[in-house]
């Protein structure tokens, strides 16, 4: 019995296992190598052909005597140099140029300030002369009306107004209000609506006001005009 079993196993190994090995050998020889051969053909016929085509295209587009990779680096270097070689208007100002520009602007401003001050002062002087002329004209019109007997005045006033406010408020003439001045102007030199007054009894150069009437007006400023004279004497 044991001998028959051993013979059967030997027969099974001989008839079956070897047949499997033979099939495996046939599978490897007939299938695996055929795949390897197909892969080799694919690589040789497809990949290399595409790479060769790309190389040919790159060589055709690149300038003579240069390679595509080197040409790209050269272009990048050219663009970098062009950025540093930009015009001065695009790069801006350096620190030294900024300092020089600031110094020039400072000099120009310092030179322009006296001119601006001169223009402002001259404009104020024009306003002062205009205001003095307006008030003196109102005083003269008041005296002319009083001299014609349009209204009564005090004897000691000599037909001059008692103050500047009377010229603004006006006087009654036959039931109507007669005004000679719209408002008391502001002295451009002092910035206030206060003026120096003189009466007929005061000296022309007197700084004190007697209070009898308003014969003349002048600025209370102690400044000096562009012509060298005092504003108080205008």
C-alpha atoms as a PDB file:
ATOM      1  CA  UNK A   1       0.000   0.000   0.000  1.00  0.00           C
ATOM      2  CA  UNK A   2       2.777   2.405   0.887  1.00  0.00           C
ATOM      3  CA  UNK A   3       4.581   1.483  -2.307  1.00  0.00           C
ATOM      4  CA  UNK A   4       1.526   2.129  -4.434  1.00  0.00           C
ATOM      5  CA  UNK A   5       0.995   5.546  -2.813  1.00  0.00           C
ATOM      6  CA  UNK A   6       4.576   6.562  -3.522  1.00  0.00           C
ATOM      7  CA  UNK A   7       4.242   5.434  -7.118  1.00  0.00           C
ATOM      8  CA  UNK A   8       1.032   7.512  -7.425  1.00  0.00           C
ATOM      9  CA  UNK A   9       2.689  10.655  -6.018  1.00  0.00           C
ATOM     10  CA  UNK A  10       5.648  10.206  -8.335  1.00  0.00           C
ATOM     11  CA  UNK A  11       3.289   9.829 -11.244  1.00  0.00           C
ATOM     12  CA  UNK A  12       1.414  12.960 -10.172  1.00  0.00           C
ATOM     13  CA  UNK A  13       4.615  14.953  -9.906  1.00  0.00           C
ATOM     14  CA  UNK A  14       5.767  13.681 -13.249  1.00  0.00           C
ATOM     15  CA  UNK A  15       2.512  14.231 -15.031  1.00  0.00           C
ATOM     16  CA  UNK A  16       1.240  17.407 -13.362  1.00  0.00           C
ATOM     17  CA  UNK A  17       3.981  19.520 -11.772  1.00  0.00           C
ATOM     18  CA  UNK A  18       6.275  19.262 -14.731  1.00  0.00           C
ATOM     19  CA  UNK A  19       3.396  20.187 -16.984  1.00  0.00           C
ATOM     20  CA  UNK A  20       2.866  23.352 -14.882  1.00  0.00           C
ATOM     21  CA  UNK A  21       6.536  24.231 -15.138  1.00  0.00           C
ATOM     22  CA  UNK A  22       6.377  23.673 -18.846  1.00  0.00           C
ATOM     23  CA  UNK A  23       3.324  25.921 -19.092  1.00  0.00           C
ATOM     24  CA  UNK A  24       5.051  28.609 -17.045  1.00  0.00           C
ATOM     25  CA  UNK A  25       8.070  28.363 -19.275  1.00  0.00           C
ATOM     26  CA  UNK A  26       5.889  28.607 -22.351  1.00  0.00           C
ATOM     27  CA  UNK A  27       4.026  31.599 -20.818  1.00  0.00           C
ATOM     28  CA  UNK A  28       7.223  33.442 -20.031  1.00  0.00           C
ATOM     29  CA  UNK A  29       8.829  32.685 -23.339  1.00  0.00           C
ATOM     30  CA  UNK A  30       5.731  33.378 -25.347  1.00  0.00           C
ATOM     31  CA  UNK A  31       4.164  36.316 -23.451  1.00  0.00           C
ATOM     32  CA  UNK A  32       6.600  38.150 -21.221  1.00  0.00           C
ATOM     33  CA  UNK A  33       9.283  38.446 -23.824  1.00  0.00           C
ATOM     34  CA  UNK A  34       6.717  39.546 -26.348  1.00  0.00           C
ATOM     35  CA  UNK A  35       5.686  42.403 -23.958  1.00  0.00           C
ATOM     36  CA  UNK A  36       9.288  43.371 -23.424  1.00  0.00           C
ATOM     37  CA  UNK A  37       9.772  43.398 -27.147  1.00  0.00           C
ATOM     38  CA  UNK A  38       6.669  45.561 -27.622  1.00  0.00           C
ATOM     39  CA  UNK A  39       7.875  47.977 -24.915  1.00  0.00           C
ATOM     40  CA  UNK A  40      11.260  48.190 -26.566  1.00  0.00           C
ATOM     41  CA  UNK A  41       9.626  48.876 -29.905  1.00  0.00           C
ATOM     42  CA  UNK A  42       7.389  51.513 -28.303  1.00  0.00           C
ATOM     43  CA  UNK A  43      10.356  53.292 -26.733  1.00  0.00           C
ATOM     44  CA  UNK A  44      12.414  53.109 -29.880  1.00  0.00           C
ATOM     45  CA  UNK A  45       9.609  54.040 -32.235  1.00  0.00           C
ATOM     46  CA  UNK A  46       7.646  56.573 -30.173  1.00  0.00           C
ATOM     47  CA  UNK A  47       9.484  58.257 -27.314  1.00  0.00           C
ATOM     48  CA  UNK A  48      12.743  58.770 -29.112  1.00  0.00           C
ATOM     49  CA  UNK A  49      10.961  59.977 -32.195  1.00  0.00           C
ATOM     50  CA  UNK A  50       9.123  62.688 -30.157  1.00  0.00           C
ATOM     51  CA  UNK A  51      12.263  63.756 -28.346  1.00  0.00           C
ATOM     52  CA  UNK A  52      14.090  63.918 -31.644  1.00  0.00           C
ATOM     53  CA  UNK A  53      11.296  66.035 -33.108  1.00  0.00           C
ATOM     54  CA  UNK A  54      11.429  68.492 -30.168  1.00  0.00           C
ATOM     55  CA  UNK A  55      15.184  68.781 -30.496  1.00  0.00           C
ATOM     56  CA  UNK A  56      14.859  69.458 -34.194  1.00  0.00           C
ATOM     57  CA  UNK A  57      12.207  72.150 -33.570  1.00  0.00           C
ATOM     58  CA  UNK A  58      14.367  73.785 -30.889  1.00  0.00           C
ATOM     59  CA  UNK A  59      17.384  73.811 -33.160  1.00  0.00           C
ATOM     60  CA  UNK A  60      15.324  75.278 -35.968  1.00  0.00           C
ATOM     61  CA  UNK A  61      14.002  78.122 -33.744  1.00  0.00           C
ATOM     62  CA  UNK A  62      17.288  78.880 -31.958  1.00  0.00           C
ATOM     63  CA  UNK A  63      19.862  81.208 -33.605  1.00  0.00           C
ATOM     64  CA  UNK A  64      22.830  79.663 -35.313  1.00  0.00           C
ATOM     65  CA  UNK A  65      25.617  78.578 -32.996  1.00  0.00           C
ATOM     66  CA  UNK A  66      23.429  78.549 -29.841  1.00  0.00           C
ATOM     67  CA  UNK A  67      21.383  76.037 -27.903  1.00  0.00           C
ATOM     68  CA  UNK A  68      17.800  76.563 -26.659  1.00  0.00           C
ATOM     69  CA  UNK A  69      18.750  76.338 -22.973  1.00  0.00           C
ATOM     70  CA  UNK A  70      21.643  78.757 -23.319  1.00  0.00           C
ATOM     71  CA  UNK A  71      19.518  81.149 -25.346  1.00  0.00           C
ATOM     72  CA  UNK A  72      16.879  81.269 -22.569  1.00  0.00           C
ATOM     73  CA  UNK A  73      19.502  82.111 -19.938  1.00  0.00           C
ATOM     74  CA  UNK A  74      20.948  84.783 -22.188  1.00  0.00           C
ATOM     75  CA  UNK A  75      17.512  86.340 -22.670  1.00  0.00           C
ATOM     76  CA  UNK A  76      16.918  86.325 -18.908  1.00  0.00           C
ATOM     77  CA  UNK A  77      20.275  88.017 -18.303  1.00  0.00           C
ATOM     78  CA  UNK A  78      19.452  90.623 -20.969  1.00  0.00           C
ATOM     79  CA  UNK A  79      16.120  91.423 -19.322  1.00  0.00           C
ATOM     80  CA  UNK A  80      17.819  91.776 -15.929  1.00  0.00           C
ATOM     81  CA  UNK A  81      20.435  94.145 -17.309  1.00  0.00           C
ATOM     82  CA  UNK A  82      17.744  96.171 -19.069  1.00  0.00           C
ATOM     83  CA  UNK A  83      15.976  96.707 -15.740  1.00  0.00           C
ATOM     84  CA  UNK A  84      19.125  98.164 -14.170  1.00  0.00           C
ATOM     85  CA  UNK A  85      19.802 100.212 -17.304  1.00  0.00           C
ATOM     86  CA  UNK A  86      16.356 101.880 -17.206  1.00  0.00           C
ATOM     87  CA  UNK A  87      16.088 105.621 -17.902  1.00  0.00           C
ATOM     88  CA  UNK A  88      16.734 108.030 -15.006  1.00  0.00           C
ATOM     89  CA  UNK A  89      13.103 109.110 -15.029  1.00  0.00           C
ATOM     90  CA  UNK A  90      12.053 105.542 -14.230  1.00  0.00           C
ATOM     91  CA  UNK A  91      14.727 104.859 -11.573  1.00  0.00           C
ATOM     92  CA  UNK A  92      13.862 107.932  -9.442  1.00  0.00           C
ATOM     93  CA  UNK A  93      16.186 110.238  -7.526  1.00  0.00           C
ATOM     94  CA  UNK A  94      19.223 109.235  -5.524  1.00  0.00           C
ATOM     95  CA  UNK A  95      19.881 110.614  -2.043  1.00  0.00           C
ATOM     96  CA  UNK A  96      22.391 113.161  -3.337  1.00  0.00           C
ATOM     97  CA  UNK A  97      20.000 114.361  -6.030  1.00  0.00           C
ATOM     98  CA  UNK A  98      17.210 114.652  -3.473  1.00  0.00           C
ATOM     99  CA  UNK A  99      19.405 116.750  -1.172  1.00  0.00           C
ATOM    100  CA  UNK A 100      20.407 119.045  -4.033  1.00  0.00           C
ATOM    101  CA  UNK A 101      16.791 119.431  -5.147  1.00  0.00           C
ATOM    102  CA  UNK A 102      15.679 120.280  -1.610  1.00  0.00           C
ATOM    103  CA  UNK A 103      18.449 122.862  -1.282  1.00  0.00           C
ATOM    104  CA  UNK A 104      17.461 124.510  -4.560  1.00  0.00           C
ATOM    105  CA  UNK A 105      13.795 124.657  -3.537  1.00  0.00           C
ATOM    106  CA  UNK A 106      14.769 126.176  -0.183  1.00  0.00           C
ATOM    107  CA  UNK A 107      16.806 128.880  -1.903  1.00  0.00           C
ATOM    108  CA  UNK A 108      13.970 129.674  -4.304  1.00  0.00           C
ATOM    109  CA  UNK A 109      11.455 129.891  -1.472  1.00  0.00           C
ATOM    110  CA  UNK A 110      13.713 132.151   0.583  1.00  0.00           C
ATOM    111  CA  UNK A 111      14.108 134.397  -2.452  1.00  0.00           C
ATOM    112  CA  UNK A 112      10.351 134.451  -3.089  1.00  0.00           C
ATOM    113  CA  UNK A 113       9.321 135.267   0.508  1.00  0.00           C
ATOM    114  CA  UNK A 114      10.471 138.920   0.405  1.00  0.00           C
ATOM    115  CA  UNK A 115       8.615 139.393  -2.861  1.00  0.00           C
ATOM    116  CA  UNK A 116       5.435 137.926  -1.362  1.00  0.00           C
ATOM    117  CA  UNK A 117       5.806 140.142   1.722  1.00  0.00           C
ATOM    118  CA  UNK A 118       6.293 143.152  -0.518  1.00  0.00           C
ATOM    119  CA  UNK A 119       3.146 142.376  -2.502  1.00  0.00           C
ATOM    120  CA  UNK A 120       1.051 141.902   0.657  1.00  0.00           C
ATOM    121  CA  UNK A 121       2.309 145.155   2.163  1.00  0.00           C
ATOM    122  CA  UNK A 122       1.671 147.101  -1.016  1.00  0.00           C
ATOM    123  CA  UNK A 123      -1.882 145.752  -1.191  1.00  0.00           C
ATOM    124  CA  UNK A 124      -2.546 146.839   2.408  1.00  0.00           C
ATOM    125  CA  UNK A 125      -1.218 150.298   1.634  1.00  0.00           C
ATOM    126  CA  UNK A 126      -3.618 150.576  -1.300  1.00  0.00           C
ATOM    127  CA  UNK A 127      -6.507 149.602   0.968  1.00  0.00           C
ATOM    128  CA  UNK A 128      -5.391 152.150   3.585  1.00  0.00           C
ATOM    129  CA  UNK A 129      -5.273 154.969   1.048  1.00  0.00           C
ATOM    130  CA  UNK A 130      -8.694 153.981  -0.302  1.00  0.00           C
ATOM    131  CA  UNK A 131     -10.243 153.898   3.193  1.00  0.00           C
ATOM    132  CA  UNK A 132      -8.762 157.269   4.142  1.00  0.00           C
ATOM    133  CA  UNK A 133     -10.014 158.819   0.915  1.00  0.00           C
ATOM    134  CA  UNK A 134     -13.534 157.377   1.481  1.00  0.00           C
ATOM    135  CA  UNK A 135     -13.831 158.721   5.062  1.00  0.00           C
ATOM    136  CA  UNK A 136     -12.407 162.122   4.168  1.00  0.00           C
ATOM    137  CA  UNK A 137     -14.798 162.379   1.247  1.00  0.00           C
ATOM    138  CA  UNK A 138     -17.705 161.584   3.595  1.00  0.00           C
ATOM    139  CA  UNK A 139     -16.499 164.294   6.026  1.00  0.00           C
ATOM    140  CA  UNK A 140     -16.349 166.847   3.201  1.00  0.00           C
ATOM    141  CA  UNK A 141     -19.863 165.971   1.996  1.00  0.00           C
ATOM    142  CA  UNK A 142     -21.198 166.360   5.534  1.00  0.00           C
ATOM    143  CA  UNK A 143     -19.629 169.815   5.853  1.00  0.00           C
ATOM    144  CA  UNK A 144     -20.940 170.859   2.426  1.00  0.00           C
ATOM    145  CA  UNK A 145     -24.492 169.871   3.399  1.00  0.00           C
ATOM    146  CA  UNK A 146     -24.180 171.674   6.731  1.00  0.00           C
ATOM    147  CA  UNK A 147     -22.807 174.781   5.014  1.00  0.00           C
ATOM    148  CA  UNK A 148     -25.869 174.833   2.719  1.00  0.00           C
ATOM    149  CA  UNK A 149     -28.112 174.763   5.789  1.00  0.00           C
ATOM    150  CA  UNK A 150     -29.504 171.270   5.178  1.00  0.00           C
ATOM    151  CA  UNK A 151     -29.287 170.593   8.926  1.00  0.00           C
ATOM    152  CA  UNK A 152     -28.139 172.302  12.092  1.00  0.00           C
ATOM    153  CA  UNK A 153     -24.757 171.717  13.752  1.00  0.00           C
ATOM    154  CA  UNK A 154     -22.973 173.037  16.841  1.00  0.00           C
ATOM    155  CA  UNK A 155     -21.114 176.279  16.483  1.00  0.00           C
ATOM    156  CA  UNK A 156     -17.824 174.924  17.803  1.00  0.00           C
ATOM    157  CA  UNK A 157     -17.914 172.028  15.295  1.00  0.00           C
ATOM    158  CA  UNK A 158     -17.640 174.438  12.354  1.00  0.00           C
ATOM    159  CA  UNK A 159     -20.066 172.197  10.443  1.00  0.00           C
ATOM    160  CA  UNK A 160     -17.855 169.107  10.736  1.00  0.00           C
ATOM    161  CA  UNK A 161     -19.319 165.815  12.008  1.00  0.00           C
ATOM    162  CA  UNK A 162     -18.978 165.133  15.761  1.00  0.00           C
ATOM    163  CA  UNK A 163     -17.705 161.576  15.091  1.00  0.00           C
ATOM    164  CA  UNK A 164     -17.432 158.943  12.383  1.00  0.00           C
ATOM    165  CA  UNK A 165     -20.527 157.080  13.544  1.00  0.00           C
ATOM    166  CA  UNK A 166     -22.658 160.142  12.689  1.00  0.00           C
ATOM    167  CA  UNK A 167     -21.598 159.717   9.072  1.00  0.00           C
ATOM    168  CA  UNK A 168     -22.898 156.136   9.157  1.00  0.00           C
ATOM    169  CA  UNK A 169     -26.114 156.859  11.072  1.00  0.00           C
ATOM    170  CA  UNK A 170     -26.868 159.965   8.993  1.00  0.00           C
ATOM    171  CA  UNK A 171     -28.852 163.113   9.792  1.00  0.00           C
ATOM    172  CA  UNK A 172     -32.496 164.088   9.214  1.00  0.00           C
ATOM    173  CA  UNK A 173     -33.010 166.388   6.247  1.00  0.00           C
ATOM    174  CA  UNK A 174     -36.652 167.392   5.635  1.00  0.00           C
ATOM    175  CA  UNK A 175     -37.954 164.145   7.025  1.00  0.00           C
ATOM    176  CA  UNK A 176     -35.393 161.976   5.202  1.00  0.00           C
ATOM    177  CA  UNK A 177     -32.271 160.322   6.484  1.00  0.00           C
ATOM    178  CA  UNK A 178     -29.123 161.542   4.774  1.00  0.00           C
ATOM    179  CA  UNK A 179     -26.152 159.178   5.204  1.00  0.00           C
ATOM    180  CA  UNK A 180     -22.598 159.827   4.105  1.00  0.00           C
ATOM    181  CA  UNK A 181     -20.804 156.559   4.895  1.00  0.00           C
ATOM    182  CA  UNK A 182     -21.992 152.966   4.692  1.00  0.00           C
ATOM    183  CA  UNK A 183     -19.764 151.687   7.473  1.00  0.00           C
ATOM    184  CA  UNK A 184     -16.586 152.519   9.287  1.00  0.00           C
ATOM    185  CA  UNK A 185     -13.843 150.646   7.451  1.00  0.00           C
ATOM    186  CA  UNK A 186     -11.246 148.464   9.177  1.00  0.00           C
ATOM    187  CA  UNK A 187      -7.720 149.778   9.255  1.00  0.00           C
ATOM    188  CA  UNK A 188      -5.722 147.215   7.190  1.00  0.00           C
ATOM    189  CA  UNK A 189      -2.579 148.004   9.205  1.00  0.00           C
ATOM    190  CA  UNK A 190      -4.086 147.400  12.641  1.00  0.00           C
ATOM    191  CA  UNK A 191      -6.984 145.108  11.745  1.00  0.00           C
ATOM    192  CA  UNK A 192      -9.431 147.213  13.796  1.00  0.00           C
ATOM    193  CA  UNK A 193     -12.138 149.737  12.972  1.00  0.00           C
ATOM    194  CA  UNK A 194     -10.450 152.382  15.116  1.00  0.00           C
ATOM    195  CA  UNK A 195      -8.926 155.493  13.575  1.00  0.00           C
ATOM    196  CA  UNK A 196      -7.019 158.467  14.833  1.00  0.00           C
ATOM    197  CA  UNK A 197      -9.078 161.699  14.732  1.00  0.00           C
ATOM    198  CA  UNK A 198      -8.259 165.381  14.516  1.00  0.00           C
ATOM    199  CA  UNK A 199     -10.468 168.395  15.004  1.00  0.00           C
ATOM    200  CA  UNK A 200     -10.150 171.900  13.632  1.00  0.00           C
ATOM    201  CA  UNK A 201      -8.642 173.004  16.931  1.00  0.00           C
ATOM    202  CA  UNK A 202      -5.887 170.324  16.905  1.00  0.00           C
ATOM    203  CA  UNK A 203      -2.450 170.817  15.416  1.00  0.00           C
ATOM    204  CA  UNK A 204      -1.814 168.968  12.140  1.00  0.00           C
ATOM    205  CA  UNK A 205       0.901 166.838  13.758  1.00  0.00           C
ATOM    206  CA  UNK A 206      -0.865 166.361  17.083  1.00  0.00           C
ATOM    207  CA  UNK A 207      -1.481 162.848  18.383  1.00  0.00           C
ATOM    208  CA  UNK A 208      -4.197 163.978  20.796  1.00  0.00           C
ATOM    209  CA  UNK A 209      -7.813 164.540  19.852  1.00  0.00           C
ATOM    210  CA  UNK A 210      -9.663 167.539  21.258  1.00  0.00           C
ATOM    211  CA  UNK A 211     -13.092 166.031  20.628  1.00  0.00           C
ATOM    212  CA  UNK A 212     -14.825 169.132  19.200  1.00  0.00           C
ATOM    213  CA  UNK A 213     -15.416 167.596  15.739  1.00  0.00           C
ATOM    214  CA  UNK A 214     -13.883 165.300  13.158  1.00  0.00           C
ATOM    215  CA  UNK A 215     -11.852 167.337  10.745  1.00  0.00           C
ATOM    216  CA  UNK A 216      -9.501 164.557   9.608  1.00  0.00           C
ATOM    217  CA  UNK A 217      -8.706 160.882  10.175  1.00  0.00           C
ATOM    218  CA  UNK A 218      -5.472 158.901  10.126  1.00  0.00           C
ATOM    219  CA  UNK A 219      -4.201 155.419  10.893  1.00  0.00           C
ATOM    220  CA  UNK A 220      -3.130 154.514  14.400  1.00  0.00           C
ATOM    221  CA  UNK A 221      -0.391 152.268  13.031  1.00  0.00           C
ATOM    222  CA  UNK A 222       3.185 153.260  13.827  1.00  0.00           C
ATOM    223  CA  UNK A 223       4.510 151.394  10.823  1.00  0.00           C
ATOM    224  CA  UNK A 224       6.432 152.811   7.907  1.00  0.00           C
ATOM    225  CA  UNK A 225       5.281 152.593   4.325  1.00  0.00           C
ATOM    226  CA  UNK A 226       7.237 151.502   1.286  1.00  0.00           C
ATOM    227  CA  UNK A 227       7.852 155.135   0.498  1.00  0.00           C
ATOM    228  CA  UNK A 228       9.552 155.680   3.879  1.00  0.00           C
ATOM    229  CA  UNK A 229       6.760 157.703   5.511  1.00  0.00           C
ATOM    230  CA  UNK A 230       4.726 156.848   8.595  1.00  0.00           C
ATOM    231  CA  UNK A 231       1.208 155.536   8.063  1.00  0.00           C
ATOM    232  CA  UNK A 232      -0.020 157.918  10.745  1.00  0.00           C
ATOM    233  CA  UNK A 233       0.917 160.867   8.506  1.00  0.00           C
ATOM    234  CA  UNK A 234      -0.981 159.699   5.452  1.00  0.00           C
END
